[in-house]
């Protein structure tokens, strides 16, 4: 941080380039382009594949708002698909029936740190000539049959919001890809379509990554594998203690390795359980209480209660427990035992 301040190269520049190189290596991609946030990563990636008003982009409803919000901001239409109830990720078996002549892309989300079934999703995208943009905001370092998140689609988008497994000193994000032309276009789009030349090939945005964020992320990146292992250790403790209870622990699909950005269980009477945990001094969180297909701002698309039943069930019974890597084993054990008493 002192080096950045001394150099006064505060936006893009050598610290950003250094981080981008390290990030691309970590994610197994040819390019990584730093941008201002995970949301801007999604928006910029969609702009780079020329998503236009009226185009349709298939995505899950059980996800953070930015997934569908970035689609709608371009005047395109998010087409919501239900989830696999075990993994919480988009169900590939339901995608093809939502494809129309207006479909231009699929945006699977690697929710809670586990990759969606990219093998199946890529087959569908290839069959129908669609771009596949990975929303990997919660999944840096997660793998699917040995392939890293962000390396399996046409582009992959990351968030470095401070609560993520790799968190910046504020907002930051990145787009990873293997296509040279796409990478060059994204670099231009992040600076109003010019790339700092004052000659504008595209109408872009101001999606630049600050050098301070890149410097912090460069230091933290080398610790990320150990942090992932600590989260997996904590998840293993939860799994063991909660076995045989009414709490349904996370299901990790064969061939996947999760990074447990969140450790999310299903419990009956979720809100009552959350309240009892709170009374015991234990924090928990709900991701997400209302599917995007039922949000007021998307009412114009005509979805109604019952359209995505698995999404709606998940919204009613999911609960995230503390899982961060610095959490002592004794505290993880305490949380699990307390939850076991509550749910039975």
Protein backbone atom coordinates (compact mmCIF):
# COMPACT_ATOMS: atom_id res chain seq x y z
CA UNK A 1 0.00 0.00 0.00
CA UNK A 2 2.91 2.34 0.76
CA UNK A 3 4.46 1.54 -2.63
CA UNK A 4 1.25 2.52 -4.41
CA UNK A 5 0.98 5.76 -2.46
CA UNK A 6 4.64 6.62 -3.08
CA UNK A 7 4.38 5.92 -6.80
CA UNK A 8 1.04 7.77 -7.14
CA UNK A 9 0.06 5.43 -9.95
CA UNK A 10 -3.36 4.95 -8.43
CA UNK A 11 -5.57 3.67 -11.26
CA UNK A 12 -4.54 0.63 -13.36
CA UNK A 13 -0.77 0.69 -13.92
CA UNK A 14 1.98 -1.77 -12.87
CA UNK A 15 0.38 -3.03 -9.65
CA UNK A 16 -2.79 -3.93 -11.52
CA UNK A 17 -0.82 -5.62 -14.30
CA UNK A 18 1.13 -7.66 -11.76
CA UNK A 19 -2.04 -8.82 -10.05
CA UNK A 20 -3.75 -9.64 -13.33
CA UNK A 21 -0.85 -11.88 -14.34
CA UNK A 22 -0.91 -13.73 -11.01
CA UNK A 23 -4.69 -14.06 -11.10
CA UNK A 24 -4.70 -15.49 -14.62
CA UNK A 25 -2.14 -18.06 -13.55
CA UNK A 26 -4.19 -18.99 -10.49
CA UNK A 27 -7.42 -19.36 -12.47
CA UNK A 28 -5.78 -21.21 -15.37
CA UNK A 29 -6.71 -18.64 -17.99
CA UNK A 30 -4.70 -16.71 -20.55
CA UNK A 31 -6.07 -13.34 -19.48
CA UNK A 32 -7.38 -11.68 -16.32
CA UNK A 33 -8.64 -8.12 -16.55
CA UNK A 34 -9.11 -6.22 -13.29
CA UNK A 35 -12.27 -4.18 -12.96
CA UNK A 36 -14.00 -2.09 -10.32
CA UNK A 37 -16.35 -4.71 -8.82
CA UNK A 38 -17.90 -8.11 -9.37
CA UNK A 39 -21.07 -6.45 -10.60
CA UNK A 40 -19.10 -4.42 -13.13
CA UNK A 41 -17.32 -7.60 -14.20
CA UNK A 42 -20.68 -9.15 -15.13
CA UNK A 43 -21.86 -5.98 -16.85
CA UNK A 44 -18.65 -5.50 -18.80
CA UNK A 45 -18.53 -9.16 -19.87
CA UNK A 46 -22.08 -8.92 -21.22
CA UNK A 47 -21.21 -5.70 -23.03
CA UNK A 48 -18.19 -7.43 -24.53
CA UNK A 49 -20.36 -10.11 -26.13
CA UNK A 50 -22.68 -7.39 -27.47
CA UNK A 51 -25.78 -8.16 -25.44
CA UNK A 52 -28.48 -5.81 -26.75
CA UNK A 53 -31.95 -4.69 -25.64
CA UNK A 54 -34.41 -7.55 -26.13
CA UNK A 55 -31.76 -10.26 -26.04
CA UNK A 56 -32.36 -13.08 -23.55
CA UNK A 57 -29.78 -14.38 -21.10
CA UNK A 58 -30.52 -17.54 -19.11
CA UNK A 59 -29.59 -17.44 -15.43
CA UNK A 60 -30.73 -18.77 -12.04
CA UNK A 61 -33.11 -16.88 -9.80
CA UNK A 62 -31.48 -18.12 -6.59
CA UNK A 63 -28.46 -15.83 -6.60
CA UNK A 64 -27.26 -12.36 -5.70
CA UNK A 65 -29.06 -9.54 -7.51
CA UNK A 66 -26.10 -8.58 -9.71
CA UNK A 67 -26.51 -11.70 -11.86
CA UNK A 68 -29.86 -10.66 -13.29
CA UNK A 69 -29.41 -6.95 -12.62
CA UNK A 70 -26.46 -6.73 -14.98
CA UNK A 71 -28.54 -8.34 -17.73
CA UNK A 72 -31.49 -6.00 -17.21
CA UNK A 73 -29.27 -2.90 -17.11
CA UNK A 74 -28.42 -3.53 -20.76
CA UNK A 75 -32.09 -3.77 -21.68
CA UNK A 76 -31.79 -7.52 -22.07
CA UNK A 77 -34.14 -10.02 -20.44
CA UNK A 78 -33.04 -12.38 -17.67
CA UNK A 79 -34.69 -15.74 -18.23
CA UNK A 80 -34.84 -17.53 -14.90
CA UNK A 81 -34.24 -21.26 -14.55
CA UNK A 82 -34.82 -23.30 -11.40
CA UNK A 83 -32.03 -24.84 -9.34
CA UNK A 84 -30.86 -28.32 -8.48
CA UNK A 85 -32.16 -28.65 -4.91
CA UNK A 86 -29.00 -30.45 -3.77
CA UNK A 87 -26.35 -28.04 -5.04
CA UNK A 88 -28.42 -24.81 -5.25
CA UNK A 89 -26.88 -24.25 -8.70
CA UNK A 90 -28.82 -23.87 -11.94
CA UNK A 91 -30.30 -27.20 -13.11
CA UNK A 92 -28.84 -28.00 -16.56
CA UNK A 93 -31.79 -30.30 -17.28
CA UNK A 94 -34.12 -27.28 -17.32
CA UNK A 95 -32.06 -24.94 -19.50
CA UNK A 96 -32.87 -26.07 -23.04
CA UNK A 97 -36.63 -25.60 -22.64
CA UNK A 98 -35.97 -21.90 -21.93
CA UNK A 99 -33.91 -21.31 -25.07
CA UNK A 100 -35.58 -19.22 -27.78
CA UNK A 101 -34.49 -17.43 -30.95
CA UNK A 102 -33.66 -14.43 -28.75
CA UNK A 103 -31.34 -16.31 -26.38
CA UNK A 104 -27.79 -15.06 -26.67
CA UNK A 105 -26.03 -16.38 -23.56
CA UNK A 106 -26.16 -18.54 -20.46
CA UNK A 107 -24.91 -17.16 -17.16
CA UNK A 108 -24.50 -20.00 -14.63
CA UNK A 109 -23.63 -19.03 -11.06
CA UNK A 110 -21.19 -21.03 -8.95
CA UNK A 111 -23.17 -20.47 -5.79
CA UNK A 112 -21.71 -20.62 -2.27
CA UNK A 113 -18.32 -21.70 -3.65
CA UNK A 114 -19.32 -24.77 -5.67
CA UNK A 115 -19.13 -24.86 -9.47
CA UNK A 116 -22.27 -25.41 -11.47
CA UNK A 117 -22.29 -28.43 -13.78
CA UNK A 118 -20.24 -26.76 -16.49
CA UNK A 119 -19.79 -29.98 -18.44
CA UNK A 120 -23.51 -30.16 -19.15
CA UNK A 121 -23.95 -26.40 -19.50
CA UNK A 122 -21.11 -26.08 -21.99
CA UNK A 123 -22.62 -28.86 -24.10
CA UNK A 124 -25.91 -26.95 -24.24
CA UNK A 125 -24.17 -23.67 -25.04
CA UNK A 126 -22.14 -25.29 -27.82
CA UNK A 127 -25.19 -27.05 -29.27
CA UNK A 128 -27.14 -23.79 -29.53
CA UNK A 129 -24.27 -21.43 -30.36
CA UNK A 130 -24.54 -19.47 -27.12
CA UNK A 131 -21.93 -17.65 -25.09
CA UNK A 132 -21.39 -19.01 -21.60
CA UNK A 133 -20.44 -16.43 -18.96
CA UNK A 134 -19.51 -17.85 -15.55
CA UNK A 135 -20.65 -15.84 -12.55
CA UNK A 136 -17.87 -17.02 -10.27
CA UNK A 137 -18.17 -14.15 -7.78
CA UNK A 138 -18.34 -16.64 -4.90
CA UNK A 139 -16.07 -19.31 -6.29
CA UNK A 140 -12.46 -18.30 -6.95
CA UNK A 141 -10.43 -21.48 -6.61
CA UNK A 142 -13.38 -23.87 -6.85
CA UNK A 143 -12.94 -26.66 -9.41
CA UNK A 144 -15.12 -28.88 -11.60
CA UNK A 145 -13.40 -32.08 -12.72
CA UNK A 146 -10.04 -30.40 -12.24
CA UNK A 147 -10.91 -27.22 -14.10
CA UNK A 148 -10.93 -23.96 -12.17
CA UNK A 149 -13.87 -21.61 -11.95
CA UNK A 150 -13.55 -18.91 -14.65
CA UNK A 151 -11.66 -21.22 -17.00
CA UNK A 152 -14.61 -23.21 -18.35
CA UNK A 153 -16.81 -20.61 -20.05
CA UNK A 154 -16.21 -17.97 -22.72
CA UNK A 155 -15.49 -15.63 -19.81
CA UNK A 156 -15.59 -15.84 -16.03
CA UNK A 157 -16.38 -13.03 -13.60
CA UNK A 158 -14.99 -12.60 -10.09
CA UNK A 159 -15.81 -10.39 -7.14
CA UNK A 160 -13.27 -9.32 -4.54
CA UNK A 161 -15.79 -7.73 -2.20
CA UNK A 162 -14.23 -7.81 1.30
CA UNK A 163 -16.36 -10.75 2.49
CA UNK A 164 -15.27 -13.02 -0.36
CA UNK A 165 -12.62 -15.71 0.11
CA UNK A 166 -10.23 -13.32 -1.64
CA UNK A 167 -11.33 -9.89 -0.49
CA UNK A 168 -9.98 -6.49 -1.44
CA UNK A 169 -9.68 -3.32 0.65
CA UNK A 170 -13.03 -2.22 -0.78
CA UNK A 171 -14.74 -3.07 -4.08
CA UNK A 172 -12.89 -4.86 -6.86
CA UNK A 173 -13.48 -7.55 -9.47
CA UNK A 174 -12.02 -9.24 -12.52
CA UNK A 175 -12.91 -10.94 -15.80
CA UNK A 176 -10.94 -13.99 -16.90
CA UNK A 177 -10.87 -15.46 -20.40
CA UNK A 178 -8.74 -17.25 -22.97
CA UNK A 179 -9.82 -15.30 -26.05
CA UNK A 180 -7.35 -12.58 -27.10
CA UNK A 181 -9.91 -10.45 -28.94
CA UNK A 182 -12.36 -10.61 -26.04
CA UNK A 183 -9.66 -9.62 -23.56
CA UNK A 184 -8.64 -6.64 -25.66
CA UNK A 185 -12.25 -5.50 -25.99
CA UNK A 186 -12.79 -5.77 -22.23
CA UNK A 187 -9.66 -3.70 -21.56
CA UNK A 188 -11.09 -1.00 -23.78
CA UNK A 189 -14.60 -1.23 -22.37
CA UNK A 190 -13.34 -0.71 -18.82
CA UNK A 191 -12.10 2.77 -19.86
CA UNK A 192 -15.10 4.05 -21.84
CA UNK A 193 -14.28 1.90 -24.83
CA UNK A 194 -10.98 3.62 -25.47
CA UNK A 195 -8.37 2.00 -23.25
CA UNK A 196 -7.01 5.48 -22.34
CA UNK A 197 -6.36 6.53 -25.96
CA UNK A 198 -9.14 9.14 -26.38
CA UNK A 199 -10.19 7.24 -29.50
CA UNK A 200 -13.33 5.28 -28.65
CA UNK A 201 -14.07 2.03 -30.46
CA UNK A 202 -17.00 1.16 -28.19
CA UNK A 203 -19.34 2.72 -25.67
CA UNK A 204 -17.98 1.29 -22.47
CA UNK A 205 -17.99 2.36 -18.86
CA UNK A 206 -15.63 3.36 -16.08
CA UNK A 207 -14.75 -0.08 -14.75
CA UNK A 208 -11.10 0.49 -13.87
CA UNK A 209 -9.41 -1.35 -11.01
CA UNK A 210 -7.64 0.84 -8.46
CA UNK A 211 -3.97 0.06 -7.95
CA UNK A 212 -4.42 -0.02 -4.16
CA UNK A 213 -6.92 -2.85 -4.49
CA UNK A 214 -4.61 -4.77 -6.81
CA UNK A 215 -1.70 -4.37 -4.42
CA UNK A 216 -3.72 -5.73 -1.50
CA UNK A 217 -5.06 -8.60 -3.59
CA UNK A 218 -1.58 -9.51 -4.81
CA UNK A 219 -0.41 -9.96 -1.23
CA UNK A 220 -3.47 -11.94 -0.18
CA UNK A 221 -3.61 -14.21 -3.24
CA UNK A 222 -0.72 -16.38 -2.04
CA UNK A 223 -2.62 -17.20 1.16
CA UNK A 224 -5.82 -18.20 -0.66
CA UNK A 225 -5.17 -21.98 -0.91
CA UNK A 226 -4.56 -22.20 2.84
CA UNK A 227 -7.72 -20.18 3.53
CA UNK A 228 -9.71 -22.55 1.32
CA UNK A 229 -8.37 -25.54 3.24
CA UNK A 230 -9.33 -23.94 6.55
CA UNK A 231 -12.87 -23.40 5.30
CA UNK A 232 -13.04 -27.03 4.14
CA UNK A 233 -11.79 -28.10 7.59
CA UNK A 234 -14.56 -26.11 9.24
CA UNK A 235 -17.13 -27.53 6.84
CA UNK A 236 -15.93 -31.04 7.70
CA UNK A 237 -16.51 -30.40 11.41
CA UNK A 238 -20.03 -29.19 10.72
CA UNK A 239 -20.74 -32.17 8.47
CA UNK A 240 -19.62 -34.63 11.12
CA UNK A 241 -21.47 -33.12 14.08
CA UNK A 242 -24.68 -32.37 12.17
CA UNK A 243 -24.91 -35.83 10.60
CA UNK A 244 -28.18 -37.52 11.43
CA UNK A 245 -29.96 -34.31 12.43
CA UNK A 246 -32.77 -32.45 10.69
CA UNK A 247 -30.17 -30.05 9.30
CA UNK A 248 -29.32 -30.89 5.67
CA UNK A 249 -25.61 -30.21 5.18
CA UNK A 250 -24.11 -29.08 1.83
CA UNK A 251 -24.03 -31.60 -0.99
CA UNK A 252 -20.85 -31.40 -3.07
CA UNK A 253 -21.35 -32.89 -6.52
CA UNK A 254 -18.98 -35.63 -7.67
CA UNK A 255 -15.97 -34.09 -9.40
CA UNK A 256 -16.38 -30.74 -7.63
CA UNK A 257 -14.21 -29.14 -4.98
CA UNK A 258 -15.96 -26.36 -3.09
CA UNK A 259 -14.28 -23.38 -1.46
CA UNK A 260 -17.23 -22.82 0.92
CA UNK A 261 -17.63 -19.11 0.37
CA UNK A 262 -20.67 -19.84 2.53
CA UNK A 263 -21.56 -22.97 4.46
CA UNK A 264 -25.28 -23.25 3.78
CA UNK A 265 -27.61 -25.78 5.34
CA UNK A 266 -31.33 -26.41 5.07
CA UNK A 267 -33.38 -26.47 8.28
CA UNK A 268 -37.09 -26.67 9.06
CA UNK A 269 -38.49 -23.55 10.71
CA UNK A 270 -35.47 -21.63 9.49
CA UNK A 271 -36.38 -18.25 10.96
CA UNK A 272 -37.03 -19.72 14.40
CA UNK A 273 -33.72 -21.58 14.28
CA UNK A 274 -31.90 -18.40 13.26
CA UNK A 275 -33.48 -16.54 16.18
CA UNK A 276 -32.43 -19.24 18.67
CA UNK A 277 -28.88 -19.15 17.36
CA UNK A 278 -28.86 -15.39 17.75
CA UNK A 279 -30.07 -15.70 21.33
CA UNK A 280 -27.15 -18.05 21.96
CA UNK A 281 -24.73 -15.44 20.60
CA UNK A 282 -24.17 -17.21 17.29
CA UNK A 283 -24.37 -15.34 13.99
CA UNK A 284 -26.02 -16.79 10.88
CA UNK A 285 -27.34 -15.38 7.63
CA UNK A 286 -29.96 -16.03 4.95
CA UNK A 287 -28.87 -16.20 1.31
CA UNK A 288 -31.41 -15.46 -0.23
CA UNK A 289 -34.88 -14.76 1.22
CA UNK A 290 -36.64 -14.03 -2.09
CA UNK A 291 -35.86 -15.37 -5.55
CA UNK A 292 -35.05 -12.82 -8.21
CA UNK A 293 -38.01 -13.97 -10.33
CA UNK A 294 -40.34 -12.63 -7.62
CA UNK A 295 -38.57 -9.33 -6.99
CA UNK A 296 -40.70 -6.25 -7.58
CA UNK A 297 -38.24 -4.74 -10.06
CA UNK A 298 -38.65 -7.78 -12.33
CA UNK A 299 -42.46 -7.92 -12.15
CA UNK A 300 -42.70 -7.00 -15.85
CA UNK A 301 -41.41 -10.47 -16.78
CA UNK A 302 -44.57 -12.06 -15.40
CA UNK A 303 -43.21 -14.66 -13.02
CA UNK A 304 -45.45 -15.79 -10.17
CA UNK A 305 -45.19 -17.88 -7.01
CA UNK A 306 -44.81 -21.54 -7.96
CA UNK A 307 -42.94 -20.95 -11.24
CA UNK A 308 -39.58 -21.98 -9.75
CA UNK A 309 -40.52 -24.32 -6.88
CA UNK A 310 -37.03 -25.43 -5.89
CA UNK A 311 -35.80 -21.84 -5.75
CA UNK A 312 -38.76 -20.88 -3.59
CA UNK A 313 -38.19 -23.84 -1.23
CA UNK A 314 -34.54 -22.90 -0.85
CA UNK A 315 -35.43 -19.29 -0.06
CA UNK A 316 -37.58 -20.57 2.80
CA UNK A 317 -35.15 -22.95 4.50
CA UNK A 318 -31.49 -22.08 3.83
CA UNK A 319 -29.23 -20.82 6.58
CA UNK A 320 -25.53 -19.94 6.39
CA UNK A 321 -23.27 -20.71 9.36
CA UNK A 322 -19.91 -19.10 10.22
CA UNK A 323 -17.14 -20.77 8.21
CA UNK A 324 -14.37 -18.18 7.76
CA UNK A 325 -10.83 -19.61 7.93
CA UNK A 326 -9.74 -17.88 11.15
CA UNK A 327 -12.67 -19.39 13.07
CA UNK A 328 -11.21 -21.58 15.85
CA UNK A 329 -12.09 -25.26 15.80
CA UNK A 330 -13.58 -24.91 19.28
CA UNK A 331 -16.02 -22.28 18.07
CA UNK A 332 -17.01 -24.27 14.98
CA UNK A 333 -17.68 -27.23 17.25
CA UNK A 334 -19.69 -25.06 19.63
CA UNK A 335 -21.87 -23.71 16.79
CA UNK A 336 -22.49 -27.19 15.44
CA UNK A 337 -23.39 -28.65 18.83
CA UNK A 338 -25.70 -25.76 19.63
CA UNK A 339 -27.43 -26.15 16.26
CA UNK A 340 -27.75 -29.89 16.85
CA UNK A 341 -29.59 -29.20 20.09
CA UNK A 342 -31.89 -26.68 18.42
CA UNK A 343 -32.92 -28.69 15.36
CA UNK A 344 -32.75 -32.19 16.84
